Amino acid sequence: MRFGVSTFLTDEGIGPAALGPALEERGFDALLLAEHSHIPVSRETPYPAGGELPRVYYRTLDPFVALGAVAAVTSELLLGTGIALVVQRDPIATAKEVASLDLVSGGRAVFGVGAGWNREEMRNHGTDPARRGRLMDERIRAMIELWTKEQAEFHGEFVDFDPVFQWPKPVQQPHPPIWVGGDGEHAFRRVAEYGAAWMPTGMPPDRLGDRIEQLRKTAGDGPTVVVYAGRHDGETLDRYAELGVDRVLLYLPTLPEHETLRTLDELAAAVSAHR
C-alpha cells in the first residue's frame, strides 16, 4: 500500500515549492490538490461535512499552476487534482492544462475528477446542477479525444467541435490516469468507462469493504482504490491494506510552513510500518 497527501494549497499556508520536496523526502508518492474557482457570498447549498464552510475553500490556489510549481522541484511525486471540478471547466482548455502538466513533469500527472457539490458555484459557470453528471462525463470524453487523436472532434449534447489540432499530447499513454471521486453506481459506471481508480473520500473501512465489492461487480478488477483524505491510525491502515486499497491519501491541514513540516513528520511516522 502506498501513501500520498491530499490538501488545500492556499495563500495562507505552505507554498507548493516547499511542499513538494518535503513530501518526497518523507517517502510520500503523490500530491492531490483540491480546487474551487470561487465561493459565492450567498450560498444555500450546505457544506457536505456539516457546519460552516472552512476558510481554505475560499482561498485555494489554481491546482494546475500550483502543481506546475511542484513539478519543477520534484522528480518522482505524482501530481494530481483532488478533485478537478470538470463541470466548471472548459474541456478544451482543461485538456491542454492536464497534458501540459504531464509533459513538464515527465509523465506524472493524475486527473482526479468529480461533479462537485456547490450548486451556486456551478451556476456561476453556466452549469445546471441537475445535469452536472452528464456534463462531466461528456467533457471528459471530449478531453480523451483531444489527448489521443491527432485530429480530434466531438459532437455531443454539451460539447461540440469539428476536427481540431491540440498539442502537447500527454506523455502517459493513452492519457494520464483518471481517478474518479464520488460514491454509488454513477461513480462506479464512470470508473468502468474511463477511470483508472476509484477515489472515495474519507470512507471508513467498515463501509469501504462493501463498496469495493460493488465496484468490482460494476468495473471489474482493473481499477485500483485510492482513499482520499484517509485516516492514519494503525488500525484503519491495517484494514485498508486487508481490503486491497492501493493508495491512501492522508489529509494534510493547511498550515504555515514550519507547522506543515512538523505535521508531515507525524504522518510519515504513523505510516512507516505500512510501506
Protein backbone atom coordinates (compact mmCIF):
# COMPACT_ATOMS: atom_id res chain seq x y z
CA MET A 1 0.00 0.00 0.00
CA ARG A 2 1.30 3.41 -1.00
CA PHE A 3 0.84 6.79 0.65
CA GLY A 4 0.31 10.28 -0.64
CA VAL A 5 -1.20 13.51 0.61
CA SER A 6 -4.39 15.41 -0.19
CA THR A 7 -4.62 19.05 0.77
CA PHE A 8 -5.80 22.58 0.04
CA LEU A 9 -2.97 24.86 -1.04
CA THR A 10 -3.84 28.48 -0.27
CA ASP A 11 -2.17 31.86 0.03
CA GLU A 12 -2.05 31.36 3.82
CA GLY A 13 -0.23 28.03 4.08
CA ILE A 14 2.95 26.33 2.90
CA GLY A 15 3.89 27.11 -0.69
CA PRO A 16 3.98 24.48 -3.44
CA ALA A 17 7.75 24.74 -3.99
CA ALA A 18 8.38 23.93 -0.33
CA LEU A 19 5.73 21.24 -0.02
CA GLY A 20 6.77 19.07 -2.97
CA PRO A 21 10.35 18.28 -1.86
CA ALA A 22 9.17 17.82 1.74
CA LEU A 23 6.81 15.08 0.57
CA GLU A 24 9.46 13.27 -1.45
CA GLU A 25 11.97 13.47 1.41
CA ARG A 26 9.46 11.69 3.67
CA GLY A 27 8.58 8.95 1.19
CA PHE A 28 5.15 10.12 0.08
CA ASP A 29 4.49 9.37 -3.58
CA ALA A 30 1.53 11.57 -4.54
CA LEU A 31 0.11 15.06 -4.01
CA LEU A 32 -3.51 15.81 -4.89
CA LEU A 33 -4.85 19.35 -4.65
CA ALA A 34 -8.42 20.48 -4.15
CA GLU A 35 -9.90 23.32 -6.18
CA HIS A 36 -12.68 25.86 -6.02
CA SER A 37 -12.75 28.66 -8.55
CA HIS A 38 -14.62 30.90 -6.09
CA ILE A 39 -17.23 30.70 -3.33
CA PRO A 40 -20.48 32.66 -3.78
CA VAL A 41 -21.24 35.03 -0.91
CA SER A 42 -24.87 33.93 -0.86
CA ARG A 43 -24.94 30.16 -0.67
CA GLU A 44 -27.85 27.82 0.03
CA THR A 45 -26.01 24.58 -0.69
CA PRO A 46 -24.97 23.06 2.67
CA TYR A 47 -21.38 22.04 3.26
CA PRO A 48 -21.38 18.22 2.90
CA ALA A 49 -19.39 17.70 6.11
CA GLY A 50 -21.77 19.91 8.08
CA GLY A 51 -21.25 23.21 9.85
CA GLU A 52 -19.56 26.28 8.44
CA LEU A 53 -17.55 26.08 5.25
CA PRO A 54 -13.85 26.01 6.23
CA ARG A 55 -11.72 29.01 5.35
CA VAL A 56 -9.50 27.00 2.97
CA TYR A 57 -12.36 26.64 0.48
CA TYR A 58 -12.33 30.39 -0.12
CA ARG A 59 -8.59 30.64 -0.78
CA THR A 60 -7.47 27.70 -2.94
CA LEU A 61 -4.71 28.22 -5.48
CA ASP A 62 -5.34 27.15 -9.06
CA PRO A 63 -4.31 23.49 -8.95
CA PHE A 64 -2.53 23.36 -12.30
CA VAL A 65 -0.42 26.43 -11.60
CA ALA A 66 0.47 25.05 -8.15
CA LEU A 67 1.22 21.56 -9.48
CA GLY A 68 3.44 23.05 -12.18
CA ALA A 69 5.47 24.72 -9.44
CA VAL A 70 5.74 21.39 -7.61
CA ALA A 71 6.77 19.63 -10.81
CA ALA A 72 9.76 21.94 -11.16
CA VAL A 73 11.23 20.95 -7.78
CA THR A 74 10.39 17.22 -7.63
CA SER A 75 11.27 14.18 -9.71
CA GLU A 76 9.01 11.27 -8.72
CA LEU A 77 5.93 12.68 -6.98
CA LEU A 78 2.60 12.04 -8.72
CA LEU A 79 0.84 15.37 -9.26
CA GLY A 80 -2.92 15.44 -9.37
CA THR A 81 -6.20 17.20 -8.84
CA GLY A 82 -8.31 16.08 -5.96
CA ILE A 83 -10.68 16.91 -7.42
CA ALA A 84 -10.89 18.98 -10.59
CA LEU A 85 -14.38 20.43 -10.92
CA VAL A 86 -14.88 19.44 -14.53
CA VAL A 87 -18.42 20.84 -14.63
CA GLN A 88 -16.92 24.30 -14.09
CA ARG A 89 -14.13 23.95 -16.67
CA ASP A 90 -13.84 24.38 -20.42
CA PRO A 91 -12.85 20.93 -21.71
CA ILE A 92 -10.52 22.18 -24.46
CA ALA A 93 -8.59 24.42 -22.07
CA THR A 94 -8.53 21.77 -19.34
CA ALA A 95 -7.26 19.09 -21.73
CA LYS A 96 -4.33 21.36 -22.60
CA GLU A 97 -3.61 22.04 -18.90
CA VAL A 98 -3.56 18.35 -18.00
CA ALA A 99 -1.39 17.44 -20.99
CA SER A 100 0.98 20.34 -20.30
CA LEU A 101 1.37 19.27 -16.66
CA ASP A 102 2.06 15.72 -17.79
CA LEU A 103 4.72 16.97 -20.21
CA VAL A 104 6.57 19.33 -17.86
CA SER A 105 6.51 16.74 -15.05
CA GLY A 106 7.82 13.91 -17.22
CA GLY A 107 4.62 11.88 -17.13
CA ARG A 108 3.50 12.33 -13.53
CA ALA A 109 0.05 13.91 -13.93
CA VAL A 110 -3.07 12.38 -12.40
CA PHE A 111 -6.50 13.74 -13.30
CA GLY A 112 -8.76 13.37 -10.27
CA VAL A 113 -12.32 14.31 -11.20
CA GLY A 114 -15.70 14.82 -9.62
CA ALA A 115 -19.04 16.50 -10.20
CA GLY A 116 -18.83 18.85 -7.21
CA TRP A 117 -21.38 19.86 -4.60
CA ASN A 118 -21.67 23.69 -4.54
CA ARG A 119 -24.66 24.43 -6.74
CA GLU A 120 -24.29 28.21 -6.63
CA GLU A 121 -20.67 27.93 -7.70
CA MET A 122 -21.69 25.74 -10.65
CA ARG A 123 -24.42 28.13 -11.72
CA ASN A 124 -21.90 30.99 -11.88
CA HIS A 125 -20.13 28.93 -14.56
CA GLY A 126 -23.37 28.44 -16.50
CA THR A 127 -23.83 24.86 -15.32
CA ASP A 128 -27.23 23.43 -14.43
CA PRO A 129 -26.58 21.37 -11.26
CA ALA A 130 -29.27 18.89 -12.27
CA ARG A 131 -27.27 17.95 -15.38
CA ARG A 132 -23.77 18.07 -13.94
CA GLY A 133 -23.15 14.33 -14.09
CA ARG A 134 -23.95 14.10 -17.81
CA LEU A 135 -21.97 17.27 -18.46
CA MET A 136 -18.90 15.96 -16.64
CA ASP A 137 -18.94 12.65 -18.49
CA GLU A 138 -19.25 14.33 -21.87
CA ARG A 139 -16.45 16.80 -21.18
CA ILE A 140 -14.14 14.00 -20.08
CA ARG A 141 -14.92 12.00 -23.21
CA ALA A 142 -14.09 15.08 -25.27
CA MET A 143 -10.80 15.55 -23.41
CA ILE A 144 -9.85 11.94 -24.08
CA GLU A 145 -10.38 12.58 -27.79
CA LEU A 146 -8.12 15.64 -27.61
CA TRP A 147 -5.41 13.68 -25.80
CA THR A 148 -5.47 10.64 -28.03
CA LYS A 149 -6.26 11.84 -31.58
CA GLU A 150 -4.10 13.93 -33.90
CA GLN A 151 -7.25 15.42 -35.35
CA ALA A 152 -9.84 15.34 -32.59
CA GLU A 153 -13.51 16.09 -32.96
CA PHE A 154 -16.50 15.71 -30.69
CA HIS A 155 -20.22 16.17 -31.19
CA GLY A 156 -22.38 15.87 -28.11
CA GLU A 157 -25.16 17.49 -26.17
CA PHE A 158 -22.87 19.87 -24.26
CA VAL A 159 -19.56 19.76 -26.16
CA ASP A 160 -19.37 20.22 -29.89
CA PHE A 161 -16.34 20.88 -32.08
CA ASP A 162 -15.23 19.91 -35.58
CA PRO A 163 -11.74 18.41 -36.16
CA VAL A 164 -9.01 20.31 -34.30
CA PHE A 165 -5.30 20.02 -33.58
CA GLN A 166 -4.17 20.28 -29.98
CA TRP A 167 -0.72 19.82 -28.55
CA PRO A 168 1.04 18.91 -26.37
CA LYS A 169 -0.15 15.36 -26.16
CA PRO A 170 0.30 13.70 -22.75
CA VAL A 171 3.48 11.76 -22.06
CA GLN A 172 1.48 8.94 -20.47
CA GLN A 173 -0.33 6.74 -22.95
CA PRO A 174 -3.08 6.68 -23.85
CA HIS A 175 -3.54 9.59 -21.41
CA PRO A 176 -2.92 10.46 -17.74
CA PRO A 177 -4.82 8.21 -15.33
CA ILE A 178 -8.28 9.44 -14.36
CA TRP A 179 -9.17 8.89 -10.71
CA VAL A 180 -12.93 9.14 -10.18
CA GLY A 181 -14.35 10.63 -6.99
CA GLY A 182 -17.82 10.07 -5.61
CA ASP A 183 -19.80 7.08 -4.44
CA GLY A 184 -22.64 4.97 -5.76
CA GLU A 185 -23.50 3.45 -9.09
CA HIS A 186 -22.91 6.61 -11.14
CA ALA A 187 -19.33 6.81 -9.87
CA PHE A 188 -18.74 3.11 -10.47
CA ARG A 189 -20.03 3.35 -14.04
CA ARG A 190 -17.62 6.23 -14.63
CA VAL A 191 -14.76 4.14 -13.29
CA ALA A 192 -15.79 1.32 -15.61
CA GLU A 193 -15.87 3.65 -18.63
CA TYR A 194 -12.77 5.79 -18.21
CA GLY A 195 -11.33 5.54 -14.70
CA ALA A 196 -8.01 4.05 -13.64
CA ALA A 197 -9.01 4.30 -9.97
CA TRP A 198 -11.97 4.90 -7.70
CA MET A 199 -11.29 7.62 -5.14
CA PRO A 200 -13.78 7.68 -2.23
CA THR A 201 -13.40 10.49 0.30
CA GLY A 202 -12.68 9.60 3.93
CA MET A 203 -14.69 6.38 3.81
CA PRO A 204 -14.31 4.22 6.96
CA PRO A 205 -13.12 0.64 6.40
CA ASP A 206 -16.33 -0.94 7.71
CA ARG A 207 -18.23 0.63 4.81
CA LEU A 208 -15.42 0.59 2.27
CA GLY A 209 -15.33 -3.19 2.02
CA ASP A 210 -18.93 -3.41 0.80
CA ARG A 211 -18.40 -0.57 -1.64
CA ILE A 212 -15.28 -2.18 -3.12
CA GLU A 213 -17.26 -5.36 -3.64
CA GLN A 214 -19.88 -3.40 -5.56
CA LEU A 215 -17.19 -1.56 -7.52
CA ARG A 216 -15.76 -4.89 -8.69
CA LYS A 217 -19.18 -6.03 -9.88
CA THR A 218 -19.53 -2.90 -11.99
CA ALA A 219 -15.97 -2.11 -13.11
CA GLY A 220 -14.08 -5.39 -12.73
CA ASP A 221 -10.68 -5.93 -11.14
CA GLY A 222 -8.70 -3.44 -13.22
CA PRO A 223 -9.30 -0.12 -11.42
CA THR A 224 -7.43 0.47 -8.18
CA VAL A 225 -8.83 2.01 -5.00
CA VAL A 226 -7.35 5.26 -3.71
CA VAL A 227 -8.77 6.53 -0.41
CA TYR A 228 -8.88 10.33 -0.38
CA ALA A 229 -8.43 12.07 2.98
CA GLY A 230 -7.89 8.74 4.70
CA ARG A 231 -7.20 8.28 8.40
CA HIS A 232 -3.68 7.38 9.52
CA ASP A 233 -4.20 5.41 12.74
CA GLY A 234 -2.70 1.94 12.66
CA GLU A 235 -5.98 0.02 12.93
CA THR A 236 -7.52 1.86 9.98
CA LEU A 237 -4.40 1.45 7.84
CA ASP A 238 -4.35 -2.27 8.62
CA ARG A 239 -7.94 -2.59 7.45
CA TYR A 240 -7.26 -0.58 4.28
CA ALA A 241 -4.43 -2.98 3.47
CA GLU A 242 -6.64 -6.01 4.12
CA LEU A 243 -9.26 -4.60 1.75
CA GLY A 244 -6.73 -4.23 -1.04
CA VAL A 245 -6.55 -0.44 -1.09
CA ASP A 246 -3.75 0.59 -3.43
CA ARG A 247 -3.02 4.06 -2.05
CA VAL A 248 -4.12 6.21 0.89
CA LEU A 249 -4.03 9.98 0.51
CA LEU A 250 -3.66 11.35 4.02
CA TYR A 251 -5.30 14.70 4.66
CA LEU A 252 -2.77 17.45 5.32
CA PRO A 253 -4.20 20.52 7.09
CA THR A 254 -3.37 23.89 5.55
CA LEU A 255 -0.80 25.45 7.86
CA PRO A 256 2.29 27.68 7.71
CA GLU A 257 5.46 26.00 6.51
CA HIS A 258 7.07 25.08 9.83
CA GLU A 259 3.81 23.62 11.18
CA THR A 260 3.21 21.71 7.95
CA LEU A 261 6.66 20.12 8.09
CA ARG A 262 6.05 19.03 11.67
CA THR A 263 2.70 17.52 10.66
CA LEU A 264 4.33 15.69 7.76
CA ASP A 265 6.87 14.18 10.15
CA GLU A 266 3.99 12.89 12.28
CA LEU A 267 2.16 11.44 9.29
CA ALA A 268 5.33 9.78 7.98
CA ALA A 269 5.98 8.19 11.36
CA ALA A 270 2.39 6.92 11.56
CA VAL A 271 2.54 5.14 8.20
CA SER A 272 6.13 3.89 8.30
CA ALA A 273 5.08 0.39 9.36
CA HIS A 274 2.74 0.06 6.37
CA ARG A 275 5.07 0.97 3.50
